[in-house]
PDB file of all heavy atoms in Angstrom:
ATOM      1  N   VAL A   1      18.436  13.326 -37.386  1.00  0.00           N
ATOM      2  CA  VAL A   1      18.516  12.462 -38.605  1.00  0.00           C
ATOM      3  C   VAL A   1      17.654  13.133 -39.613  1.00  0.00           C
ATOM      4  O   VAL A   1      16.599  13.680 -39.297  1.00  0.00           O
ATOM      5  CB  VAL A   1      18.065  11.129 -38.386  1.00  0.00           C
ATOM      6  CG1 VAL A   1      16.569  10.908 -37.909  1.00  0.00           C
ATOM      7  CG2 VAL A   1      18.239  10.189 -39.589  1.00  0.00           C
ATOM      8  N   ILE A   2      18.238  13.332 -40.829  1.00  0.00           N
ATOM      9  CA  ILE A   2      17.600  13.993 -41.974  1.00  0.00           C
ATOM     10  C   ILE A   2      17.200  13.053 -43.000  1.00  0.00           C
ATOM     11  O   ILE A   2      18.098  12.318 -43.611  1.00  0.00           O
ATOM     12  CB  ILE A   2      18.508  15.066 -42.522  1.00  0.00           C
ATOM     13  CG1 ILE A   2      18.988  16.122 -41.431  1.00  0.00           C
ATOM     14  CG2 ILE A   2      17.809  15.814 -43.631  1.00  0.00           C
ATOM     15  CD1 ILE A   2      20.062  16.990 -41.818  1.00  0.00           C
ATOM     16  N   ASP A   3      15.908  12.933 -43.396  1.00  0.00           N
ATOM     17  CA  ASP A   3      15.423  12.133 -44.374  1.00  0.00           C
ATOM     18  C   ASP A   3      15.672  10.614 -44.234  1.00  0.00           C
ATOM     19  O   ASP A   3      16.471  10.108 -45.002  1.00  0.00           O
ATOM     20  CB  ASP A   3      15.834  12.533 -45.666  1.00  0.00           C
ATOM     21  CG  ASP A   3      15.072  13.867 -46.213  1.00  0.00           C
ATOM     22  OD1 ASP A   3      14.168  14.363 -45.577  1.00  0.00           O
ATOM     23  OD2 ASP A   3      15.398  14.327 -47.372  1.00  0.00           O
ATOM     24  N   PRO A   4      15.190   9.955 -43.202  1.00  0.00           N
ATOM     25  CA  PRO A   4      15.485   8.548 -43.098  1.00  0.00           C
ATOM     26  C   PRO A   4      14.507   7.759 -44.033  1.00  0.00           C
ATOM     27  O   PRO A   4      13.661   6.996 -43.653  1.00  0.00           O
ATOM     28  CB  PRO A   4      15.124   8.296 -41.665  1.00  0.00           C
ATOM     29  CG  PRO A   4      14.074   9.257 -41.250  1.00  0.00           C
ATOM     30  CD  PRO A   4      14.452  10.495 -42.037  1.00  0.00           C
ATOM     31  N   GLY A   5      14.671   7.906 -45.335  1.00  0.00           N
ATOM     32  CA  GLY A   5      13.954   7.225 -46.301  1.00  0.00           C
ATOM     33  C   GLY A   5      14.405   5.788 -46.693  1.00  0.00           C
ATOM     34  O   GLY A   5      13.582   4.809 -46.636  1.00  0.00           O
ATOM     35  N   SER A   6      15.715   5.760 -46.924  1.00  0.00           N
ATOM     36  CA  SER A   6      16.268   4.470 -47.167  1.00  0.00           C
ATOM     37  C   SER A   6      16.947   3.858 -46.040  1.00  0.00           C
ATOM     38  O   SER A   6      17.650   2.702 -46.070  1.00  0.00           O
ATOM     39  CB  SER A   6      17.202   4.484 -48.325  1.00  0.00           C
ATOM     40  OG  SER A   6      16.434   4.808 -49.572  1.00  0.00           O
ATOM     41  N   SER A   7      17.178   4.559 -44.931  1.00  0.00           N
ATOM     42  CA  SER A   7      17.975   4.102 -43.803  1.00  0.00           C
ATOM     43  C   SER A   7      17.055   4.116 -42.551  1.00  0.00           C
ATOM     44  O   SER A   7      16.523   5.225 -42.204  1.00  0.00           O
ATOM     45  CB  SER A   7      19.077   5.068 -43.586  1.00  0.00           C
ATOM     46  OG  SER A   7      19.973   5.084 -44.688  1.00  0.00           O
ATOM     47  N   GLY A   8      16.981   2.911 -41.929  1.00  0.00           N
ATOM     48  CA  GLY A   8      16.183   2.749 -40.809  1.00  0.00           C
ATOM     49  C   GLY A   8      16.864   3.038 -39.513  1.00  0.00           C
ATOM     50  O   GLY A   8      18.030   3.392 -39.553  1.00  0.00           O
ATOM     51  N   TYR A   9      16.219   2.807 -38.345  1.00  0.00           N
ATOM     52  CA  TYR A   9      16.861   3.134 -37.123  1.00  0.00           C
ATOM     53  C   TYR A   9      17.982   2.234 -36.932  1.00  0.00           C
ATOM     54  O   TYR A   9      19.199   2.787 -36.432  1.00  0.00           O
ATOM     55  CB  TYR A   9      15.861   2.838 -36.021  1.00  0.00           C
ATOM     56  CG  TYR A   9      16.407   2.972 -34.539  1.00  0.00           C
ATOM     57  CD1 TYR A   9      16.270   4.185 -34.086  1.00  0.00           C
ATOM     58  CD2 TYR A   9      16.880   1.849 -33.821  1.00  0.00           C
ATOM     59  CE1 TYR A   9      16.865   4.465 -32.787  1.00  0.00           C
ATOM     60  CE2 TYR A   9      17.326   2.135 -32.538  1.00  0.00           C
ATOM     61  CZ  TYR A   9      17.447   3.272 -32.070  1.00  0.00           C
ATOM     62  OH  TYR A   9      18.000   3.494 -30.754  1.00  0.00           O
ATOM     63  N   ASN A  10      18.049   0.989 -37.299  1.00  0.00           N
ATOM     64  CA  ASN A  10      19.290   0.113 -37.034  1.00  0.00           C
ATOM     65  C   ASN A  10      20.328   0.492 -37.959  1.00  0.00           C
ATOM     66  O   ASN A  10      21.548   0.334 -37.607  1.00  0.00           O
ATOM     67  CB  ASN A  10      18.828  -1.353 -37.375  1.00  0.00           C
ATOM     68  CG  ASN A  10      17.917  -1.878 -36.287  1.00  0.00           C
ATOM     69  OD1 ASN A  10      18.033  -1.421 -35.119  1.00  0.00           O
ATOM     70  ND2 ASN A  10      17.145  -2.830 -36.618  1.00  0.00           N
ATOM     71  N   ASP A  11      20.139   1.080 -39.119  1.00  0.00           N
ATOM     72  CA  ASP A  11      21.194   1.497 -40.045  1.00  0.00           C
ATOM     73  C   ASP A  11      21.854   2.754 -39.455  1.00  0.00           C
ATOM     74  O   ASP A  11      23.103   2.861 -39.663  1.00  0.00           O
ATOM     75  CB  ASP A  11      20.617   1.946 -41.324  1.00  0.00           C
ATOM     76  CG  ASP A  11      19.952   0.825 -42.163  1.00  0.00           C
ATOM     77  OD1 ASP A  11      20.593  -0.227 -42.309  1.00  0.00           O
ATOM     78  OD2 ASP A  11      18.802   0.848 -42.540  1.00  0.00           O
ATOM     79  N   VAL A  12      21.169   3.675 -38.776  1.00  0.00           N
ATOM     80  CA  VAL A  12      21.736   4.894 -38.227  1.00  0.00           C
ATOM     81  C   VAL A  12      22.749   4.485 -37.129  1.00  0.00           C
ATOM     82  O   VAL A  12      23.785   5.128 -36.977  1.00  0.00           O
ATOM     83  CB  VAL A  12      20.640   5.773 -37.808  1.00  0.00           C
ATOM     84  CG1 VAL A  12      21.223   7.012 -36.974  1.00  0.00           C
ATOM     85  CG2 VAL A  12      19.979   6.367 -39.038  1.00  0.00           C
ATOM     86  N   GLY A  13      22.224   3.627 -36.222  1.00  0.00           N
ATOM     87  CA  GLY A  13      23.143   3.089 -35.205  1.00  0.00           C
ATOM     88  C   GLY A  13      23.416   4.162 -34.073  1.00  0.00           C
ATOM     89  O   GLY A  13      24.530   4.125 -33.461  1.00  0.00           O
ATOM     90  N   ARG A  14      22.560   5.013 -33.991  1.00  0.00           N
ATOM     91  CA  ARG A  14      22.730   6.100 -32.821  1.00  0.00           C
ATOM     92  C   ARG A  14      21.431   6.065 -31.968  1.00  0.00           C
ATOM     93  O   ARG A  14      20.460   5.924 -32.373  1.00  0.00           O
ATOM     94  CB  ARG A  14      22.910   7.486 -33.363  1.00  0.00           C
ATOM     95  CG  ARG A  14      24.135   7.641 -34.194  1.00  0.00           C
ATOM     96  CD  ARG A  14      24.317   9.117 -34.684  1.00  0.00           C
ATOM     97  NE  ARG A  14      25.366   9.434 -35.398  1.00  0.00           N
ATOM     98  CZ  ARG A  14      25.936  10.581 -35.828  1.00  0.00           C
ATOM     99  NH1 ARG A  14      25.134  11.602 -35.500  1.00  0.00           N
ATOM    100  NH2 ARG A  14      27.052  10.730 -36.442  1.00  0.00           N
ATOM    101  N   ASP A  15      21.743   6.231 -30.618  1.00  0.00           N
ATOM    102  CA  ASP A  15      20.655   6.225 -29.637  1.00  0.00           C
ATOM    103  C   ASP A  15      20.374   7.655 -29.206  1.00  0.00           C
ATOM    104  O   ASP A  15      19.627   7.715 -28.200  1.00  0.00           O
ATOM    105  CB  ASP A  15      20.831   5.127 -28.591  1.00  0.00           C
ATOM    106  CG  ASP A  15      22.118   5.468 -27.825  1.00  0.00           C
ATOM    107  OD1 ASP A  15      22.711   6.544 -27.984  1.00  0.00           O
ATOM    108  OD2 ASP A  15      22.503   4.648 -26.916  1.00  0.00           O
ATOM    109  N   ASN A  16      20.997   8.722 -29.773  1.00  0.00           N
ATOM    110  CA  ASN A  16      20.825  10.019 -29.234  1.00  0.00           C
ATOM    111  C   ASN A  16      19.913  10.800 -30.229  1.00  0.00           C
ATOM    112  O   ASN A  16      19.941  12.059 -30.110  1.00  0.00           O
ATOM    113  CB  ASN A  16      22.179  10.642 -29.150  1.00  0.00           C
ATOM    114  CG  ASN A  16      22.922  10.904 -30.429  1.00  0.00           C
ATOM    115  OD1 ASN A  16      22.708  10.178 -31.477  1.00  0.00           O
ATOM    116  ND2 ASN A  16      23.729  11.877 -30.534  1.00  0.00           N
ATOM    117  N   ILE A  17      19.217  10.257 -31.131  1.00  0.00           N
ATOM    118  CA  ILE A  17      18.456  10.860 -32.075  1.00  0.00           C
ATOM    119  C   ILE A  17      17.223  11.563 -31.433  1.00  0.00           C
ATOM    120  O   ILE A  17      16.409  10.777 -30.843  1.00  0.00           O
ATOM    121  CB  ILE A  17      17.983  10.055 -33.255  1.00  0.00           C
ATOM    122  CG1 ILE A  17      19.228   9.537 -33.969  1.00  0.00           C
ATOM    123  CG2 ILE A  17      17.076  10.910 -34.196  1.00  0.00           C
ATOM    124  CD1 ILE A  17      20.139  10.548 -34.599  1.00  0.00           C
ATOM    125  N   HIS A  18      17.165  12.815 -31.336  1.00  0.00           N
ATOM    126  CA  HIS A  18      15.970  13.490 -30.710  1.00  0.00           C
ATOM    127  C   HIS A  18      14.997  14.010 -31.707  1.00  0.00           C
ATOM    128  O   HIS A  18      13.931  14.391 -31.377  1.00  0.00           O
ATOM    129  CB  HIS A  18      16.367  14.604 -29.718  1.00  0.00           C
ATOM    130  CG  HIS A  18      17.222  15.654 -30.408  1.00  0.00           C
ATOM    131  ND1 HIS A  18      16.817  16.537 -31.332  1.00  0.00           N
ATOM    132  CD2 HIS A  18      18.647  15.873 -30.200  1.00  0.00           C
ATOM    133  CE1 HIS A  18      17.686  17.443 -31.605  1.00  0.00           C
ATOM    134  NE2 HIS A  18      18.868  17.066 -31.020  1.00  0.00           N
ATOM    135  N   SER A  19      15.375  14.284 -32.967  1.00  0.00           N
ATOM    136  CA  SER A  19      14.538  14.868 -33.944  1.00  0.00           C
ATOM    137  C   SER A  19      14.837  14.333 -35.352  1.00  0.00           C
ATOM    138  O   SER A  19      15.937  14.010 -35.690  1.00  0.00           O
ATOM    139  CB  SER A  19      14.728  16.377 -34.014  1.00  0.00           C
ATOM    140  OG  SER A  19      14.443  17.011 -32.802  1.00  0.00           O
ATOM    141  N   VAL A  20      13.677  14.115 -36.091  1.00  0.00           N
ATOM    142  CA  VAL A  20      13.802  13.815 -37.518  1.00  0.00           C
ATOM    143  C   VAL A  20      13.376  14.995 -38.324  1.00  0.00           C
ATOM    144  O   VAL A  20      12.276  15.517 -38.186  1.00  0.00           O
ATOM    145  CB  VAL A  20      12.794  12.583 -37.811  1.00  0.00           C
ATOM    146  CG1 VAL A  20      12.803  12.255 -39.255  1.00  0.00           C
ATOM    147  CG2 VAL A  20      13.139  11.374 -36.997  1.00  0.00           C
ATOM    148  N   LEU A  21      14.412  15.434 -39.168  1.00  0.00           N
ATOM    149  CA  LEU A  21      14.017  16.526 -40.014  1.00  0.00           C
ATOM    150  C   LEU A  21      13.686  15.977 -41.417  1.00  0.00           C
ATOM    151  O   LEU A  21      14.484  15.182 -42.064  1.00  0.00           O
ATOM    152  CB  LEU A  21      15.259  17.521 -40.126  1.00  0.00           C
ATOM    153  CG  LEU A  21      15.617  18.150 -38.910  1.00  0.00           C
ATOM    154  CD1 LEU A  21      16.926  19.058 -39.140  1.00  0.00           C
ATOM    155  CD2 LEU A  21      14.534  19.121 -38.456  1.00  0.00           C
ATOM    156  N   LEU A  22      12.511  16.279 -42.066  1.00  0.00           N
ATOM    157  CA  LEU A  22      12.166  15.862 -43.274  1.00  0.00           C
ATOM    158  C   LEU A  22      12.129  16.985 -44.212  1.00  0.00           C
ATOM    159  O   LEU A  22      11.484  17.983 -43.989  1.00  0.00           O
ATOM    160  CB  LEU A  22      10.757  15.169 -43.252  1.00  0.00           C
ATOM    161  CG  LEU A  22      10.462  14.096 -42.260  1.00  0.00           C
ATOM    162  CD1 LEU A  22       9.090  13.625 -42.305  1.00  0.00           C
ATOM    163  CD2 LEU A  22      11.446  12.922 -42.654  1.00  0.00           C
ATOM    164  N   THR A  23      12.974  16.835 -45.385  1.00  0.00           N
ATOM    165  CA  THR A  23      13.044  17.864 -46.388  1.00  0.00           C
ATOM    166  C   THR A  23      11.712  18.057 -47.157  1.00  0.00           C
ATOM    167  O   THR A  23      11.381  19.094 -47.539  1.00  0.00           O
ATOM    168  CB  THR A  23      14.121  17.545 -47.363  1.00  0.00           C
ATOM    169  OG1 THR A  23      13.884  16.330 -48.024  1.00  0.00           O
ATOM    170  CG2 THR A  23      15.504  17.448 -46.558  1.00  0.00           C
ATOM    171  N   HIS A  24      11.021  16.991 -47.433  1.00  0.00           N
ATOM    172  CA  HIS A  24       9.803  17.023 -48.130  1.00  0.00           C
ATOM    173  C   HIS A  24       8.999  15.695 -47.929  1.00  0.00           C
ATOM    174  O   HIS A  24       9.543  14.726 -47.283  1.00  0.00           O
ATOM    175  CB  HIS A  24      10.059  17.323 -49.576  1.00  0.00           C
ATOM    176  CG  HIS A  24      10.733  16.334 -50.398  1.00  0.00           C
ATOM    177  ND1 HIS A  24      12.143  15.953 -50.182  1.00  0.00           N
ATOM    178  CD2 HIS A  24      10.423  15.517 -51.393  1.00  0.00           C
ATOM    179  CE1 HIS A  24      12.585  15.091 -51.008  1.00  0.00           C
ATOM    180  NE2 HIS A  24      11.531  14.767 -51.757  1.00  0.00           N
ATOM    181  N   GLY A  25       7.840  15.699 -48.465  1.00  0.00           N
ATOM    182  CA  GLY A  25       6.944  14.657 -48.207  1.00  0.00           C
ATOM    183  C   GLY A  25       6.813  13.535 -49.250  1.00  0.00           C
ATOM    184  O   GLY A  25       5.734  13.007 -49.524  1.00  0.00           O
ATOM    185  N   HIS A  26       8.006  13.063 -49.683  1.00  0.00           N
ATOM    186  CA  HIS A  26       7.913  11.826 -50.618  1.00  0.00           C
ATOM    187  C   HIS A  26       8.409  10.690 -49.794  1.00  0.00           C
ATOM    188  O   HIS A  26       9.481  10.852 -48.992  1.00  0.00           O
ATOM    189  CB  HIS A  26       8.821  12.113 -51.836  1.00  0.00           C
ATOM    190  CG  HIS A  26       8.260  13.028 -52.778  1.00  0.00           C
ATOM    191  ND1 HIS A  26       8.841  13.619 -53.841  1.00  0.00           N
ATOM    192  CD2 HIS A  26       6.885  13.377 -53.022  1.00  0.00           C
ATOM    193  CE1 HIS A  26       8.018  14.471 -54.629  1.00  0.00           C
ATOM    194  NE2 HIS A  26       6.781  14.301 -54.041  1.00  0.00           N
ATOM    195  N   ASN A  27       7.860   9.513 -49.997  1.00  0.00           N
ATOM    196  CA  ASN A  27       8.097   8.310 -49.313  1.00  0.00           C
ATOM    197  C   ASN A  27       9.695   7.940 -49.192  1.00  0.00           C
ATOM    198  O   ASN A  27      10.042   7.449 -48.194  1.00  0.00           O
ATOM    199  CB  ASN A  27       7.245   7.143 -49.758  1.00  0.00           C
ATOM    200  CG  ASN A  27       5.738   7.484 -49.624  1.00  0.00           C
ATOM    201  OD1 ASN A  27       5.348   8.425 -48.948  1.00  0.00           O
ATOM    202  ND2 ASN A  27       4.986   6.559 -50.234  1.00  0.00           N
ATOM    203  N   ASP A  28      10.315   8.154 -50.260  1.00  0.00           N
ATOM    204  CA  ASP A  28      11.746   7.643 -50.232  1.00  0.00           C
ATOM    205  C   ASP A  28      12.523   8.581 -49.392  1.00  0.00           C
ATOM    206  O   ASP A  28      13.765   8.275 -49.172  1.00  0.00           O
ATOM    207  CB  ASP A  28      12.238   7.640 -51.751  1.00  0.00           C
ATOM    208  CG  ASP A  28      12.221   9.015 -52.394  1.00  0.00           C
ATOM    209  OD1 ASP A  28      11.220   9.699 -52.370  1.00  0.00           O
ATOM    210  OD2 ASP A  28      13.216   9.314 -53.039  1.00  0.00           O
ATOM    211  N   HIS A  29      11.957   9.638 -48.773  1.00  0.00           N
ATOM    212  CA  HIS A  29      12.696  10.428 -47.844  1.00  0.00           C
ATOM    213  C   HIS A  29      12.208  10.419 -46.413  1.00  0.00           C
ATOM    214  O   HIS A  29      12.824  10.860 -45.491  1.00  0.00           O
ATOM    215  CB  HIS A  29      12.598  11.952 -48.334  1.00  0.00           C
ATOM    216  CG  HIS A  29      13.461  12.095 -49.573  1.00  0.00           C
ATOM    217  ND1 HIS A  29      14.705  12.611 -49.594  1.00  0.00           N
ATOM    218  CD2 HIS A  29      13.159  11.876 -50.875  1.00  0.00           C
ATOM    219  CE1 HIS A  29      15.130  12.727 -50.733  1.00  0.00           C
ATOM    220  NE2 HIS A  29      14.249  12.336 -51.598  1.00  0.00           N
ATOM    221  N   PHE A  30      11.022   9.714 -46.205  1.00  0.00           N
ATOM    222  CA  PHE A  30      10.469   9.603 -44.793  1.00  0.00           C
ATOM    223  C   PHE A  30      10.126   8.208 -44.463  1.00  0.00           C
ATOM    224  O   PHE A  30       9.564   8.043 -43.408  1.00  0.00           O
ATOM    225  CB  PHE A  30       9.370  10.664 -44.707  1.00  0.00           C
ATOM    226  CG  PHE A  30       8.085  10.295 -45.361  1.00  0.00           C
ATOM    227  CD1 PHE A  30       7.084   9.395 -44.718  1.00  0.00           C
ATOM    228  CD2 PHE A  30       7.647  10.944 -46.489  1.00  0.00           C
ATOM    229  CE1 PHE A  30       5.904   8.954 -45.397  1.00  0.00           C
ATOM    230  CE2 PHE A  30       6.511  10.611 -47.059  1.00  0.00           C
ATOM    231  CZ  PHE A  30       5.628   9.622 -46.428  1.00  0.00           C
ATOM    232  N   ARG A  31      10.343   7.277 -45.259  1.00  0.00           N
ATOM    233  CA  ARG A  31       9.745   5.883 -45.066  1.00  0.00           C
ATOM    234  C   ARG A  31       9.998   5.322 -43.713  1.00  0.00           C
ATOM    235  O   ARG A  31       9.187   4.709 -43.098  1.00  0.00           O
ATOM    236  CB  ARG A  31      10.347   4.946 -46.184  1.00  0.00           C
ATOM    237  CG  ARG A  31       9.693   3.581 -46.122  1.00  0.00           C
ATOM    238  CD  ARG A  31      10.239   2.798 -47.301  1.00  0.00           C
ATOM    239  NE  ARG A  31       9.769   3.283 -48.544  1.00  0.00           N
ATOM    240  CZ  ARG A  31      10.595   3.722 -49.414  1.00  0.00           C
ATOM    241  NH1 ARG A  31      12.015   3.827 -49.240  1.00  0.00           N
ATOM    242  NH2 ARG A  31      10.231   4.183 -50.584  1.00  0.00           N
ATOM    243  N   HIS A  32      11.109   5.655 -43.080  1.00  0.00           N
ATOM    244  CA  HIS A  32      11.432   5.033 -41.865  1.00  0.00           C
ATOM    245  C   HIS A  32      11.328   6.076 -40.590  1.00  0.00           C
ATOM    246  O   HIS A  32      11.772   5.771 -39.449  1.00  0.00           O
ATOM    247  CB  HIS A  32      12.908   4.483 -41.764  1.00  0.00           C
ATOM    248  CG  HIS A  32      12.974   3.348 -42.817  1.00  0.00           C
ATOM    249  ND1 HIS A  32      12.501   2.043 -42.599  1.00  0.00           N
ATOM    250  CD2 HIS A  32      13.642   3.191 -44.013  1.00  0.00           C
ATOM    251  CE1 HIS A  32      12.818   1.303 -43.628  1.00  0.00           C
ATOM    252  NE2 HIS A  32      13.377   2.085 -44.514  1.00  0.00           N
ATOM    253  N   ALA A  33      10.732   7.243 -40.941  1.00  0.00           N
ATOM    254  CA  ALA A  33      10.726   8.221 -39.806  1.00  0.00           C
ATOM    255  C   ALA A  33       9.933   7.618 -38.588  1.00  0.00           C
ATOM    256  O   ALA A  33      10.283   8.000 -37.505  1.00  0.00           O
ATOM    257  CB  ALA A  33       9.935   9.461 -40.410  1.00  0.00           C
ATOM    258  N   HIS A  34       8.997   6.829 -38.872  1.00  0.00           N
ATOM    259  CA  HIS A  34       8.104   6.304 -37.655  1.00  0.00           C
ATOM    260  C   HIS A  34       8.963   5.464 -36.828  1.00  0.00           C
ATOM    261  O   HIS A  34       8.681   5.535 -35.591  1.00  0.00           O
ATOM    262  CB  HIS A  34       6.909   5.502 -38.296  1.00  0.00           C
ATOM    263  CG  HIS A  34       7.369   4.207 -38.924  1.00  0.00           C
ATOM    264  ND1 HIS A  34       7.416   2.930 -38.176  1.00  0.00           N
ATOM    265  CD2 HIS A  34       7.896   3.938 -40.170  1.00  0.00           C
ATOM    266  CE1 HIS A  34       7.881   2.108 -39.025  1.00  0.00           C
ATOM    267  NE2 HIS A  34       8.152   2.542 -40.198  1.00  0.00           N
ATOM    268  N   GLU A  35      10.067   4.872 -37.208  1.00  0.00           N
ATOM    269  CA  GLU A  35      10.880   4.058 -36.351  1.00  0.00           C
ATOM    270  C   GLU A  35      11.509   4.837 -35.278  1.00  0.00           C
ATOM    271  O   GLU A  35      11.796   4.542 -34.222  1.00  0.00           O
ATOM    272  CB  GLU A  35      11.920   3.341 -37.198  1.00  0.00           C
ATOM    273  CG  GLU A  35      11.433   2.309 -38.179  1.00  0.00           C
ATOM    274  CD  GLU A  35      12.492   1.655 -38.979  1.00  0.00           C
ATOM    275  OE1 GLU A  35      13.684   1.696 -38.632  1.00  0.00           O
ATOM    276  OE2 GLU A  35      12.108   1.131 -40.066  1.00  0.00           O
ATOM    277  N   PHE A  36      11.903   6.150 -35.684  1.00  0.00           N
ATOM    278  CA  PHE A  36      12.530   7.105 -34.675  1.00  0.00           C
ATOM    279  C   PHE A  36      11.574   7.658 -33.787  1.00  0.00           C
ATOM    280  O   PHE A  36      11.748   7.826 -32.634  1.00  0.00           O
ATOM    281  CB  PHE A  36      13.334   8.154 -35.451  1.00  0.00           C
ATOM    282  CG  PHE A  36      14.492   7.622 -36.291  1.00  0.00           C
ATOM    283  CD1 PHE A  36      14.276   7.152 -37.644  1.00  0.00           C
ATOM    284  CD2 PHE A  36      15.687   7.429 -35.764  1.00  0.00           C
ATOM    285  CE1 PHE A  36      15.236   6.568 -38.434  1.00  0.00           C
ATOM    286  CE2 PHE A  36      16.703   6.926 -36.619  1.00  0.00           C
ATOM    287  CZ  PHE A  36      16.519   6.506 -37.930  1.00  0.00           C
ATOM    288  N   ARG A  37      10.293   7.955 -34.358  1.00  0.00           N
ATOM    289  CA  ARG A  37       9.309   8.533 -33.482  1.00  0.00           C
ATOM    290  C   ARG A  37       8.883   7.624 -32.414  1.00  0.00           C
ATOM    291  O   ARG A  37       8.562   7.860 -31.295  1.00  0.00           O
ATOM    292  CB  ARG A  37       8.147   8.960 -34.428  1.00  0.00           C
ATOM    293  CG  ARG A  37       7.087   9.751 -33.577  1.00  0.00           C
ATOM    294  CD  ARG A  37       6.052  10.309 -34.545  1.00  0.00           C
ATOM    295  NE  ARG A  37       5.130  11.274 -33.867  1.00  0.00           N
ATOM    296  CZ  ARG A  37       4.104  10.855 -33.157  1.00  0.00           C
ATOM    297  NH1 ARG A  37       3.774   9.663 -33.111  1.00  0.00           N
ATOM    298  NH2 ARG A  37       3.386  11.844 -32.470  1.00  0.00           N
TER     299      ARG A  37
END
């Protein structure tokens, strides 16, 4: 999953996510990263 800033775990709807790729460190791009971690 790339930049889960506005989309959380439930929005993605996949249980096979093994990695979160963040393009950069602005909150609107990583706000929900912790849900996947």
